[in-house]
Amino acid sequence: MPPTNDHEPEMTDTPLSSPDLAAQGLCDEVPETLHEDRLWRDGGWTARVVKNEDDDGWAVQMIKDGEPEPALVGPWTMGRNKKDPKPLDTSAFNTLVKTASEVLRRHEQQLRAQLHKRVTVAAATGDDQLEITLDIVPDEDEPYALLSALDSAGERLAQVRVGATFKLSKASAAAWVESEFRRPG
């Protein structure tokens, strides 16, 4: 009897499919295009029709490649038999991609608005206007913000690190300018 090597994996004649290989980390390839009745993958997006947990209907999830959560979840139309979902098609998929992309764009705009504040105040000397910005850095361990002053030409005059909870207003910006850009207490 030949010696066995306990360190080698057992070989089988059963071929592994791409999902099996991906699950085992043996290949990073996910088919770029897939068009099935309940699953479409194309152009960086995946549409998946799933049973709606809240009722007897169906829902569609739109997931952007590389994202763990769906960008959009919405109701999906029943088919003619009033039991199964209507199959996905090119037109529906394109509409879903457009809608999900808009949702992501709005979310990014909202996040940017929350993390970036801007006010304009008069300079301490002269008639110049200063733009004071607050950029919050949402670090998980120690979030902070950068308070910056820019002149009318866009040149940075000062920048200090402040707490992420710092409230930027015309009054707080003017006080910072008057203090000659000393770190707010």
C-alpha atoms as a PDB file:
ATOM      1  CA  MET A   1       0.000   0.000   0.000  1.00  0.00           C
ATOM      2  CA  PRO A   2       1.528   3.391  -1.002  1.00  0.00           C
ATOM      3  CA  PRO A   3       2.080   5.962   1.754  1.00  0.00           C
ATOM      4  CA  THR A   4      -0.558   8.650   2.098  1.00  0.00           C
ATOM      5  CA  ASN A   5       0.008  12.331   2.551  1.00  0.00           C
ATOM      6  CA  ASP A   6      -2.397  13.722   5.156  1.00  0.00           C
ATOM      7  CA  HIS A   7      -1.635  17.277   4.043  1.00  0.00           C
ATOM      8  CA  GLU A   8      -3.022  17.034   0.502  1.00  0.00           C
ATOM      9  CA  PRO A   9      -6.728  17.651  -0.112  1.00  0.00           C
ATOM     10  CA  GLU A  10      -8.792  14.726  -1.286  1.00  0.00           C
ATOM     11  CA  MET A  11      -9.374  14.848  -5.046  1.00  0.00           C
ATOM     12  CA  THR A  12     -12.820  14.128  -6.476  1.00  0.00           C
ATOM     13  CA  ASP A  13     -14.193  13.845  -9.970  1.00  0.00           C
ATOM     14  CA  THR A  14     -16.990  16.321  -9.196  1.00  0.00           C
ATOM     15  CA  PRO A  15     -16.277  19.658 -10.870  1.00  0.00           C
ATOM     16  CA  LEU A  16     -16.742  22.786  -8.800  1.00  0.00           C
ATOM     17  CA  SER A  17     -18.913  25.542 -10.151  1.00  0.00           C
ATOM     18  CA  SER A  18     -17.807  29.190 -10.084  1.00  0.00           C
ATOM     19  CA  PRO A  19     -19.898  29.984  -6.954  1.00  0.00           C
ATOM     20  CA  ASP A  20     -18.314  26.960  -5.202  1.00  0.00           C
ATOM     21  CA  LEU A  21     -14.842  28.182  -6.139  1.00  0.00           C
ATOM     22  CA  ALA A  22     -15.621  31.737  -5.083  1.00  0.00           C
ATOM     23  CA  ALA A  23     -16.983  30.534  -1.726  1.00  0.00           C
ATOM     24  CA  GLN A  24     -13.752  28.649  -1.128  1.00  0.00           C
ATOM     25  CA  GLY A  25     -11.690  31.676  -2.137  1.00  0.00           C
ATOM     26  CA  LEU A  26     -10.241  29.812  -5.119  1.00  0.00           C
ATOM     27  CA  CYS A  27     -11.355  32.315  -7.702  1.00  0.00           C
ATOM     28  CA  ASP A  28     -12.409  35.917  -7.558  1.00  0.00           C
ATOM     29  CA  GLU A  29     -14.435  35.760 -10.747  1.00  0.00           C
ATOM     30  CA  VAL A  30     -18.108  36.502 -10.620  1.00  0.00           C
ATOM     31  CA  PRO A  31     -19.816  36.430 -14.000  1.00  0.00           C
ATOM     32  CA  GLU A  32     -20.073  40.017 -15.274  1.00  0.00           C
ATOM     33  CA  THR A  33     -23.336  39.383 -17.099  1.00  0.00           C
ATOM     34  CA  LEU A  34     -26.109  37.080 -15.980  1.00  0.00           C
ATOM     35  CA  HIS A  35     -29.707  37.337 -17.165  1.00  0.00           C
ATOM     36  CA  GLU A  36     -32.169  35.051 -15.389  1.00  0.00           C
ATOM     37  CA  ASP A  37     -35.843  35.533 -14.533  1.00  0.00           C
ATOM     38  CA  ARG A  38     -35.105  36.448 -10.903  1.00  0.00           C
ATOM     39  CA  LEU A  39     -31.421  37.433 -11.048  1.00  0.00           C
ATOM     40  CA  TRP A  40     -29.724  39.920 -13.367  1.00  0.00           C
ATOM     41  CA  ARG A  41     -26.110  40.943 -13.094  1.00  0.00           C
ATOM     42  CA  ASP A  42     -24.840  43.534 -15.529  1.00  0.00           C
ATOM     43  CA  GLY A  43     -22.806  46.729 -15.594  1.00  0.00           C
ATOM     44  CA  GLY A  44     -21.729  46.589 -11.949  1.00  0.00           C
ATOM     45  CA  TRP A  45     -25.234  45.962 -10.580  1.00  0.00           C
ATOM     46  CA  THR A  46     -27.200  42.920  -9.442  1.00  0.00           C
ATOM     47  CA  ALA A  47     -31.003  42.802  -9.361  1.00  0.00           C
ATOM     48  CA  ARG A  48     -32.450  39.980  -7.286  1.00  0.00           C
ATOM     49  CA  VAL A  49     -36.176  39.233  -7.004  1.00  0.00           C
ATOM     50  CA  VAL A  50     -36.951  37.800  -3.565  1.00  0.00           C
ATOM     51  CA  LYS A  51     -40.018  36.795  -1.584  1.00  0.00           C
ATOM     52  CA  ASN A  52     -41.363  39.772   0.359  1.00  0.00           C
ATOM     53  CA  GLU A  53     -41.139  38.947   4.064  1.00  0.00           C
ATOM     54  CA  ASP A  54     -43.983  41.334   4.951  1.00  0.00           C
ATOM     55  CA  ASP A  55     -46.679  39.844   2.717  1.00  0.00           C
ATOM     56  CA  ASP A  56     -47.389  37.338  -0.031  1.00  0.00           C
ATOM     57  CA  GLY A  57     -45.768  39.489  -2.718  1.00  0.00           C
ATOM     58  CA  TRP A  58     -42.310  39.869  -4.139  1.00  0.00           C
ATOM     59  CA  ALA A  59     -39.537  42.454  -3.774  1.00  0.00           C
ATOM     60  CA  VAL A  60     -36.505  43.393  -5.847  1.00  0.00           C
ATOM     61  CA  GLN A  61     -33.096  44.225  -4.386  1.00  0.00           C
ATOM     62  CA  MET A  62     -30.548  46.318  -6.288  1.00  0.00           C
ATOM     63  CA  ILE A  63     -26.981  45.723  -5.129  1.00  0.00           C
ATOM     64  CA  LYS A  64     -23.956  47.607  -6.467  1.00  0.00           C
ATOM     65  CA  ASP A  65     -20.927  45.362  -6.981  1.00  0.00           C
ATOM     66  CA  GLY A  66     -18.684  45.333  -3.933  1.00  0.00           C
ATOM     67  CA  GLU A  67     -21.362  46.642  -1.559  1.00  0.00           C
ATOM     68  CA  PRO A  68     -22.640  44.451   1.281  1.00  0.00           C
ATOM     69  CA  GLU A  69     -26.144  45.951   1.418  1.00  0.00           C
ATOM     70  CA  PRO A  70     -28.710  46.707  -1.282  1.00  0.00           C
ATOM     71  CA  ALA A  71     -28.854  50.310  -2.473  1.00  0.00           C
ATOM     72  CA  LEU A  72     -32.560  49.887  -3.184  1.00  0.00           C
ATOM     73  CA  VAL A  73     -35.288  47.459  -2.120  1.00  0.00           C
ATOM     74  CA  GLY A  74     -38.765  47.835  -3.533  1.00  0.00           C
ATOM     75  CA  PRO A  75     -41.929  45.926  -4.389  1.00  0.00           C
ATOM     76  CA  TRP A  76     -41.915  43.730  -7.466  1.00  0.00           C
ATOM     77  CA  THR A  77     -44.836  42.931  -9.769  1.00  0.00           C
ATOM     78  CA  MET A  78     -46.610  39.589  -9.728  1.00  0.00           C
ATOM     79  CA  GLY A  79     -46.663  37.565 -12.901  1.00  0.00           C
ATOM     80  CA  ARG A  80     -49.787  36.658 -14.848  1.00  0.00           C
ATOM     81  CA  ASN A  81     -50.510  33.645 -12.667  1.00  0.00           C
ATOM     82  CA  LYS A  82     -50.704  35.980  -9.603  1.00  0.00           C
ATOM     83  CA  LYS A  83     -48.385  33.607  -7.751  1.00  0.00           C
ATOM     84  CA  ASP A  84     -44.883  33.943  -9.181  1.00  0.00           C
ATOM     85  CA  PRO A  85     -42.978  37.190  -9.793  1.00  0.00           C
ATOM     86  CA  LYS A  86     -42.790  38.835 -13.180  1.00  0.00           C
ATOM     87  CA  PRO A  87     -39.422  37.976 -14.794  1.00  0.00           C
ATOM     88  CA  LEU A  88     -36.748  40.665 -14.941  1.00  0.00           C
ATOM     89  CA  ASP A  89     -36.082  42.148 -18.373  1.00  0.00           C
ATOM     90  CA  THR A  90     -33.748  44.712 -19.914  1.00  0.00           C
ATOM     91  CA  SER A  91     -36.112  47.643 -19.562  1.00  0.00           C
ATOM     92  CA  ALA A  92     -36.949  46.908 -15.917  1.00  0.00           C
ATOM     93  CA  PHE A  93     -33.281  46.320 -15.056  1.00  0.00           C
ATOM     94  CA  ASN A  94     -32.208  49.611 -16.666  1.00  0.00           C
ATOM     95  CA  THR A  95     -34.912  51.498 -14.765  1.00  0.00           C
ATOM     96  CA  LEU A  96     -33.862  49.842 -11.498  1.00  0.00           C
ATOM     97  CA  VAL A  97     -30.189  50.736 -12.122  1.00  0.00           C
ATOM     98  CA  LYS A  98     -31.134  54.363 -12.790  1.00  0.00           C
ATOM     99  CA  THR A  99     -33.253  54.551  -9.622  1.00  0.00           C
ATOM    100  CA  ALA A 100     -30.670  52.829  -7.415  1.00  0.00           C
ATOM    101  CA  SER A 101     -27.889  55.076  -8.781  1.00  0.00           C
ATOM    102  CA  GLU A 102     -29.977  58.145  -7.926  1.00  0.00           C
ATOM    103  CA  VAL A 103     -30.532  56.842  -4.387  1.00  0.00           C
ATOM    104  CA  LEU A 104     -26.770  56.387  -3.939  1.00  0.00           C
ATOM    105  CA  ARG A 105     -26.044  59.841  -5.390  1.00  0.00           C
ATOM    106  CA  ARG A 106     -28.494  61.502  -3.001  1.00  0.00           C
ATOM    107  CA  HIS A 107     -27.051  59.564  -0.070  1.00  0.00           C
ATOM    108  CA  GLU A 108     -23.531  60.710  -0.980  1.00  0.00           C
ATOM    109  CA  GLN A 109     -24.711  64.335  -1.263  1.00  0.00           C
ATOM    110  CA  GLN A 110     -26.394  64.126   2.129  1.00  0.00           C
ATOM    111  CA  LEU A 111     -23.308  62.593   3.729  1.00  0.00           C
ATOM    112  CA  ARG A 112     -21.091  65.277   2.188  1.00  0.00           C
ATOM    113  CA  ALA A 113     -23.423  68.000   3.488  1.00  0.00           C
ATOM    114  CA  GLN A 114     -23.221  66.491   6.982  1.00  0.00           C
ATOM    115  CA  LEU A 115     -19.425  66.249   6.904  1.00  0.00           C
ATOM    116  CA  HIS A 116     -18.599  69.566   5.202  1.00  0.00           C
ATOM    117  CA  LYS A 117     -19.837  72.932   6.446  1.00  0.00           C
ATOM    118  CA  ARG A 118     -18.941  76.369   5.072  1.00  0.00           C
ATOM    119  CA  VAL A 119     -19.591  79.980   6.106  1.00  0.00           C
ATOM    120  CA  THR A 120     -18.266  83.337   4.901  1.00  0.00           C
ATOM    121  CA  VAL A 121     -17.161  86.044   7.348  1.00  0.00           C
ATOM    122  CA  ALA A 122     -15.353  89.360   7.155  1.00  0.00           C
ATOM    123  CA  ALA A 123     -11.580  89.328   7.556  1.00  0.00           C
ATOM    124  CA  ALA A 124     -10.137  90.925  10.689  1.00  0.00           C
ATOM    125  CA  THR A 125      -8.381  93.548   8.558  1.00  0.00           C
ATOM    126  CA  GLY A 126      -9.597  95.121   5.346  1.00  0.00           C
ATOM    127  CA  ASP A 127     -12.650  94.450   3.242  1.00  0.00           C
ATOM    128  CA  ASP A 128     -11.685  90.874   2.352  1.00  0.00           C
ATOM    129  CA  GLN A 129     -14.080  87.981   2.943  1.00  0.00           C
ATOM    130  CA  LEU A 130     -12.861  84.709   4.421  1.00  0.00           C
ATOM    131  CA  GLU A 131     -14.366  81.323   3.782  1.00  0.00           C
ATOM    132  CA  ILE A 132     -14.344  79.189   6.909  1.00  0.00           C
ATOM    133  CA  THR A 133     -14.817  75.462   6.396  1.00  0.00           C
ATOM    134  CA  LEU A 134     -15.328  72.572   8.771  1.00  0.00           C
ATOM    135  CA  ASP A 135     -14.547  69.101   7.439  1.00  0.00           C
ATOM    136  CA  ILE A 136     -15.515  66.256   9.754  1.00  0.00           C
ATOM    137  CA  VAL A 137     -13.391  63.109   9.578  1.00  0.00           C
ATOM    138  CA  PRO A 138     -15.679  60.271  10.767  1.00  0.00           C
ATOM    139  CA  ASP A 139     -12.944  58.030  12.186  1.00  0.00           C
ATOM    140  CA  GLU A 140     -14.453  55.088  14.115  1.00  0.00           C
ATOM    141  CA  ASP A 141     -12.091  55.432  17.069  1.00  0.00           C
ATOM    142  CA  GLU A 142     -11.444  59.168  17.251  1.00  0.00           C
ATOM    143  CA  PRO A 143     -13.583  61.334  14.973  1.00  0.00           C
ATOM    144  CA  TYR A 144     -12.343  64.889  14.541  1.00  0.00           C
ATOM    145  CA  ALA A 145     -12.785  67.907  12.296  1.00  0.00           C
ATOM    146  CA  LEU A 146     -10.510  70.322  10.475  1.00  0.00           C
ATOM    147  CA  LEU A 147     -11.400  73.992  10.773  1.00  0.00           C
ATOM    148  CA  SER A 148      -9.865  75.991   7.914  1.00  0.00           C
ATOM    149  CA  ALA A 149      -9.748  79.617   6.794  1.00  0.00           C
ATOM    150  CA  LEU A 150      -9.388  80.498   3.108  1.00  0.00           C
ATOM    151  CA  ASP A 151      -8.907  83.958   1.647  1.00  0.00           C
ATOM    152  CA  SER A 152     -10.805  85.234  -1.391  1.00  0.00           C
ATOM    153  CA  ALA A 153      -8.161  83.716  -3.690  1.00  0.00           C
ATOM    154  CA  GLY A 154      -8.691  80.287  -2.131  1.00  0.00           C
ATOM    155  CA  GLU A 155      -5.359  80.287  -0.286  1.00  0.00           C
ATOM    156  CA  ARG A 156      -5.440  78.547   3.083  1.00  0.00           C
ATOM    157  CA  LEU A 157      -4.563  80.986   5.859  1.00  0.00           C
ATOM    158  CA  ALA A 158      -4.982  78.633   8.808  1.00  0.00           C
ATOM    159  CA  GLN A 159      -6.130  75.170   9.758  1.00  0.00           C
ATOM    160  CA  VAL A 160      -6.659  73.616  13.193  1.00  0.00           C
ATOM    161  CA  ARG A 161      -7.939  70.298  14.420  1.00  0.00           C
ATOM    162  CA  VAL A 162     -11.110  70.516  16.516  1.00  0.00           C
ATOM    163  CA  GLY A 163     -13.585  68.054  17.982  1.00  0.00           C
ATOM    164  CA  ALA A 164     -16.049  66.454  15.587  1.00  0.00           C
ATOM    165  CA  THR A 165     -18.831  68.072  17.607  1.00  0.00           C
ATOM    166  CA  PHE A 166     -17.585  71.617  16.914  1.00  0.00           C
ATOM    167  CA  LYS A 167     -20.506  73.767  15.718  1.00  0.00           C
ATOM    168  CA  LEU A 168     -19.601  76.030  12.820  1.00  0.00           C
ATOM    169  CA  SER A 169     -21.683  79.197  12.624  1.00  0.00           C
ATOM    170  CA  LYS A 170     -21.030  82.763  11.516  1.00  0.00           C
ATOM    171  CA  ALA A 171     -20.474  83.687  15.190  1.00  0.00           C
ATOM    172  CA  SER A 172     -18.023  80.828  15.914  1.00  0.00           C
ATOM    173  CA  ALA A 173     -16.177  81.519  12.631  1.00  0.00           C
ATOM    174  CA  ALA A 174     -15.918  85.259  13.383  1.00  0.00           C
ATOM    175  CA  ALA A 175     -14.660  84.510  16.912  1.00  0.00           C
ATOM    176  CA  TRP A 176     -11.990  82.191  15.470  1.00  0.00           C
ATOM    177  CA  VAL A 177     -10.856  84.880  13.001  1.00  0.00           C
ATOM    178  CA  GLU A 178     -10.758  87.494  15.787  1.00  0.00           C
ATOM    179  CA  SER A 179      -8.627  85.161  17.949  1.00  0.00           C
ATOM    180  CA  GLU A 180      -6.086  85.094  15.107  1.00  0.00           C
ATOM    181  CA  PHE A 181      -6.948  81.477  14.329  1.00  0.00           C
ATOM    182  CA  ARG A 182      -6.104  80.069  17.751  1.00  0.00           C
ATOM    183  CA  ARG A 183      -7.571  76.669  18.406  1.00  0.00           C
ATOM    184  CA  PRO A 184     -11.107  77.120  19.797  1.00  0.00           C
ATOM    185  CA  GLY A 185     -11.446  76.004  23.436  1.00  0.00           C
END
